[in-house]
Amino acid sequence: MDALGQLLPLALLDTVSVSTLAIPVWFLLTPRGLRVGNVYGYLLIVGAGYLALGLLLLGGLSAVREPLADAIASPAGDTAAAVAGGGLLLLGLYYGFVKRDKDDRGEGSDGGDGGRLTRWRESAVGSRSTARGVVTVALVAVALEITTMFPYLAAVDILDRSRQPWVEQAALLALYCLVMIGPAVLATLAHQIAGRALRPALNRIDRWIRRNARENTAWLFGVVGFLTLSTTKLYEHGMNRLTGE
């Protein structure tokens, strides 16, 4: 299926997001009293949350596509798109350079963040965890990623344009969500089987995520911002003036 071929690369890209990999790995690094079942519960809620959001978007996207296209094609819409694209591009530069310099110098750090995050992890997967803690952390993780879930939004748009029956679209979206949480599920299963033998590998994954999180966010904002800006007439006019055409 053509749509499936387009969706799989996007789903694989979504496997390395904060909610689908960073947080589950962080859960598995709990020093003691880890409730592995809660990690599976967290991943189930995250996958279901993404699926529910995608189904809602599929239900309303077709109805608003033409009016939205007309609005974007208008002078006001073109200006708004240019401003949004420029804003995302600047945000990417901020994350990639300004915020990196601040973090490297240790500015803006909050000594209480570590304790707060530890308490959140304990409430979700620790020995005294509760169902409410799991649900809260999962919903917060999904909510925080709404502004950066560009691969997922692209996948929903591909499905909507495919004009396949709604049931098939929903099935493909569910498959996308399964692929998205697949690596974290496998890591959790491996943790159950291998136990502490897996901890060095998890520590390396955790360090890699922490080391590259800021750069990945910067690139994501920057690329999407540039692509949005470059499709506007305002950008085209500006480039024509710069090149003298």
Protein backbone atom coordinates (compact mmCIF):
# COMPACT_ATOMS: atom_id res chain seq x y z
CA MET A 1 0.00 0.00 0.00
CA ASP A 2 1.36 3.40 -0.99
CA ALA A 3 0.08 5.10 2.16
CA LEU A 4 1.76 2.47 4.35
CA GLY A 5 5.09 3.07 2.63
CA GLN A 6 4.80 6.78 3.39
CA LEU A 7 3.70 6.25 6.99
CA LEU A 8 6.38 3.81 8.15
CA PRO A 9 9.34 6.24 7.90
CA LEU A 10 7.34 8.83 9.86
CA ALA A 11 6.40 6.23 12.49
CA LEU A 12 10.06 5.23 12.84
CA LEU A 13 10.97 8.89 13.29
CA ASP A 14 8.38 9.13 16.07
CA THR A 15 9.94 6.18 17.93
CA VAL A 16 12.69 8.49 19.24
CA SER A 17 10.46 11.20 20.69
CA VAL A 18 10.44 12.14 24.37
CA SER A 19 7.17 10.38 25.19
CA THR A 20 7.89 7.17 23.25
CA LEU A 21 11.55 6.55 24.14
CA ALA A 22 13.17 9.05 26.51
CA ILE A 23 10.57 8.73 29.28
CA PRO A 24 10.26 4.89 29.06
CA VAL A 25 14.07 4.54 29.26
CA TRP A 26 14.07 6.95 32.19
CA PHE A 27 11.41 4.77 33.84
CA LEU A 28 13.51 1.62 33.33
CA LEU A 29 16.47 3.33 35.01
CA THR A 30 14.51 3.55 38.27
CA PRO A 31 17.09 2.40 40.86
CA ARG A 32 14.75 0.16 42.85
CA GLY A 33 11.13 -0.88 43.20
CA LEU A 34 10.32 -0.58 39.48
CA ARG A 35 6.81 -1.72 38.53
CA VAL A 36 7.35 -2.92 34.98
CA GLY A 37 3.63 -3.31 34.40
CA ASN A 38 3.21 0.42 34.86
CA VAL A 39 5.73 1.07 32.08
CA TYR A 40 3.57 -1.00 29.74
CA GLY A 41 0.53 0.89 31.02
CA TYR A 42 2.24 4.20 30.29
CA LEU A 43 3.08 3.12 26.73
CA LEU A 44 -0.47 1.89 26.18
CA ILE A 45 -1.89 5.25 27.29
CA VAL A 46 0.57 7.19 25.11
CA GLY A 47 -0.27 5.04 22.07
CA ALA A 48 -4.01 5.32 22.74
CA GLY A 49 -3.70 9.07 23.25
CA TYR A 50 -1.97 9.54 19.92
CA LEU A 51 -4.51 7.27 18.22
CA ALA A 52 -7.48 9.15 19.69
CA LEU A 53 -6.02 12.49 18.62
CA GLY A 54 -5.34 11.17 15.13
CA LEU A 55 -8.89 9.82 14.74
CA LEU A 56 -10.30 13.18 15.81
CA LEU A 57 -8.13 14.93 13.25
CA LEU A 58 -9.13 12.47 10.53
CA GLY A 59 -12.77 13.14 11.33
CA GLY A 60 -12.46 16.89 10.92
CA LEU A 61 -9.61 17.40 8.48
CA SER A 62 -11.58 16.83 5.29
CA ALA A 63 -14.27 19.28 6.35
CA VAL A 64 -11.83 22.12 6.96
CA ARG A 65 -9.27 21.37 4.21
CA GLU A 66 -10.77 23.59 1.47
CA PRO A 67 -11.70 26.56 3.72
CA LEU A 68 -8.27 26.33 5.33
CA ALA A 69 -6.55 26.26 1.93
CA ASP A 70 -8.49 29.35 0.85
CA ALA A 71 -7.57 31.14 4.06
CA ILE A 72 -3.87 30.30 3.68
CA ALA A 73 -3.91 31.45 0.04
CA SER A 74 -5.24 34.88 1.03
CA PRO A 75 -2.79 37.78 1.66
CA ALA A 76 -3.50 37.68 5.40
CA GLY A 77 -3.04 33.91 5.50
CA ASP A 78 0.19 34.12 3.54
CA THR A 79 1.53 36.73 5.97
CA ALA A 80 0.47 34.63 8.96
CA ALA A 81 2.21 31.56 7.49
CA ALA A 82 5.37 33.59 6.88
CA VAL A 83 5.34 34.91 10.44
CA ALA A 84 4.74 31.41 11.84
CA GLY A 85 7.53 29.94 9.70
CA GLY A 86 9.92 32.72 10.66
CA GLY A 87 9.00 32.27 14.32
CA LEU A 88 9.72 28.53 14.20
CA LEU A 89 13.01 29.18 12.42
CA LEU A 90 14.05 31.66 15.12
CA LEU A 91 12.94 29.22 17.79
CA GLY A 92 15.16 26.56 16.22
CA LEU A 93 18.11 28.96 16.26
CA TYR A 94 17.36 29.79 19.90
CA TYR A 95 17.36 26.12 20.90
CA GLY A 96 20.43 25.38 18.83
CA PHE A 97 22.62 28.28 19.90
CA VAL A 98 21.30 30.59 22.63
CA LYS A 99 19.82 27.93 24.90
CA ARG A 100 22.81 25.65 24.34
CA ASP A 101 25.17 28.38 25.53
CA LYS A 102 23.02 29.01 28.61
CA ASP A 103 22.85 25.30 29.44
CA ASP A 104 26.59 24.89 28.94
CA ARG A 105 27.22 27.76 31.36
CA GLY A 106 24.68 26.30 33.81
CA GLU A 107 22.41 29.35 33.64
CA GLY A 108 18.71 29.05 34.34
CA SER A 109 19.10 25.73 36.11
CA ASP A 110 16.67 24.85 38.84
CA GLY A 111 18.11 22.81 41.65
CA GLY A 112 14.67 21.41 42.44
CA ASP A 113 14.05 19.90 39.00
CA GLY A 114 15.85 16.64 39.76
CA GLY A 115 13.83 16.00 42.90
CA ARG A 116 10.57 16.93 41.22
CA LEU A 117 11.24 14.63 38.25
CA THR A 118 12.24 11.81 40.59
CA ARG A 119 8.94 12.18 42.45
CA TRP A 120 7.06 12.06 39.13
CA ARG A 121 8.85 8.85 38.19
CA GLU A 122 8.13 7.36 41.61
CA SER A 123 4.43 8.23 41.27
CA ALA A 124 4.26 6.50 37.88
CA VAL A 125 6.45 3.38 38.12
CA GLY A 126 7.99 3.30 41.60
CA SER A 127 7.15 1.01 44.47
CA ARG A 128 4.45 3.43 45.67
CA SER A 129 3.10 4.26 42.24
CA THR A 130 -0.59 4.64 41.48
CA ALA A 131 -2.74 4.35 38.38
CA ARG A 132 -3.38 8.08 38.64
CA GLY A 133 0.37 8.73 38.54
CA VAL A 134 0.80 6.65 35.37
CA VAL A 135 -2.11 8.36 33.60
CA THR A 136 -0.97 11.83 34.67
CA VAL A 137 2.60 11.41 33.41
CA ALA A 138 1.40 9.84 30.13
CA LEU A 139 -1.13 12.59 29.40
CA VAL A 140 1.35 15.32 30.29
CA ALA A 141 3.94 13.73 27.98
CA VAL A 142 1.50 13.63 25.06
CA ALA A 143 0.24 17.17 25.74
CA LEU A 144 3.78 18.59 25.82
CA GLU A 145 4.53 17.00 22.45
CA ILE A 146 1.49 18.39 20.64
CA THR A 147 3.50 21.40 19.43
CA THR A 148 6.27 19.19 17.98
CA MET A 149 4.34 16.19 16.61
CA PHE A 150 4.99 17.21 13.00
CA PRO A 151 5.67 13.64 11.73
CA TYR A 152 2.38 12.46 13.21
CA LEU A 153 0.43 15.39 11.73
CA ALA A 154 2.03 14.64 8.36
CA ALA A 155 0.93 11.01 8.69
CA VAL A 156 -2.65 12.03 9.44
CA ASP A 157 -2.63 14.31 6.38
CA ILE A 158 -1.30 11.48 4.18
CA LEU A 159 -4.10 9.20 5.38
CA ASP A 160 -6.74 11.84 4.80
CA ARG A 161 -5.50 12.47 1.26
CA SER A 162 -5.40 8.75 0.49
CA ARG A 163 -9.22 8.68 0.32
CA GLN A 164 -9.25 5.15 1.69
CA PRO A 165 -12.25 3.94 3.72
CA TRP A 166 -12.24 5.36 7.24
CA VAL A 167 -11.82 1.87 8.76
CA GLU A 168 -8.62 1.32 6.76
CA GLN A 169 -7.33 4.76 7.73
CA ALA A 170 -8.00 3.99 11.40
CA ALA A 171 -6.24 0.62 11.10
CA LEU A 172 -3.16 2.22 9.50
CA LEU A 173 -3.12 4.90 12.18
CA ALA A 174 -3.29 2.21 14.88
CA LEU A 175 -0.37 0.41 13.18
CA TYR A 176 1.56 3.71 13.17
CA CYS A 177 1.01 4.07 16.92
CA LEU A 178 2.14 0.47 17.53
CA VAL A 179 5.35 1.04 15.55
CA MET A 180 5.87 4.29 17.43
CA ILE A 181 5.91 2.62 20.86
CA GLY A 182 7.45 -0.64 19.60
CA PRO A 183 11.11 0.01 20.54
CA ALA A 184 10.15 1.07 24.08
CA VAL A 185 7.99 -2.05 24.47
CA LEU A 186 10.92 -4.23 23.32
CA ALA A 187 13.28 -2.41 25.70
CA THR A 188 10.87 -3.01 28.58
CA LEU A 189 10.53 -6.69 27.66
CA ALA A 190 14.33 -7.00 27.44
CA HIS A 191 14.59 -5.36 30.86
CA GLN A 192 12.25 -8.01 32.29
CA ILE A 193 14.35 -10.80 30.79
CA ALA A 194 17.87 -9.45 31.25
CA GLY A 195 17.37 -7.33 34.37
CA ARG A 196 20.48 -5.44 35.50
CA ALA A 197 22.51 -6.76 32.56
CA LEU A 198 20.60 -4.31 30.36
CA ARG A 199 21.29 -1.27 32.55
CA PRO A 200 24.59 -0.24 30.84
CA ALA A 201 22.85 -0.22 27.45
CA LEU A 202 19.93 1.78 28.87
CA ASN A 203 22.36 4.25 30.41
CA ARG A 204 24.01 4.74 27.01
CA ILE A 205 20.63 5.29 25.34
CA ASP A 206 19.66 7.74 28.07
CA ARG A 207 22.91 9.70 27.65
CA TRP A 208 22.46 9.78 23.88
CA ILE A 209 18.90 11.09 24.22
CA ARG A 210 19.96 13.75 26.71
CA ARG A 211 22.95 14.79 24.60
CA ASN A 212 20.96 15.09 21.36
CA ALA A 213 17.55 16.22 22.62
CA ARG A 214 18.29 19.93 22.27
CA GLU A 215 19.87 19.59 18.82
CA ASN A 216 16.99 17.40 17.57
CA THR A 217 14.46 19.94 18.82
CA ALA A 218 16.40 22.77 17.17
CA TRP A 219 16.55 20.97 13.83
CA LEU A 220 12.86 20.06 14.01
CA PHE A 221 11.74 23.64 14.62
CA GLY A 222 14.24 25.03 12.11
CA VAL A 223 13.39 22.68 9.24
CA VAL A 224 9.62 22.98 9.69
CA GLY A 225 9.94 26.76 10.05
CA PHE A 226 11.98 27.07 6.86
CA LEU A 227 9.65 24.79 4.89
CA THR A 228 6.63 26.79 6.07
CA LEU A 229 8.28 30.13 5.30
CA SER A 230 9.59 29.03 1.90
CA THR A 231 6.09 28.21 0.61
CA THR A 232 4.79 31.76 1.12
CA LYS A 233 4.55 34.52 -1.49
CA LEU A 234 6.13 36.90 1.01
CA TYR A 235 9.28 34.76 1.06
CA GLU A 236 9.25 34.51 -2.74
CA HIS A 237 9.00 38.29 -3.12
CA GLY A 238 11.80 38.79 -0.59
CA MET A 239 14.11 36.36 -2.39
CA ASN A 240 13.33 37.98 -5.75
CA ARG A 241 14.30 41.39 -4.36
CA LEU A 242 17.52 40.01 -2.90
CA THR A 243 18.52 38.32 -6.18
CA GLY A 244 17.34 41.25 -8.33
CA GLU A 245 14.91 39.16 -10.34
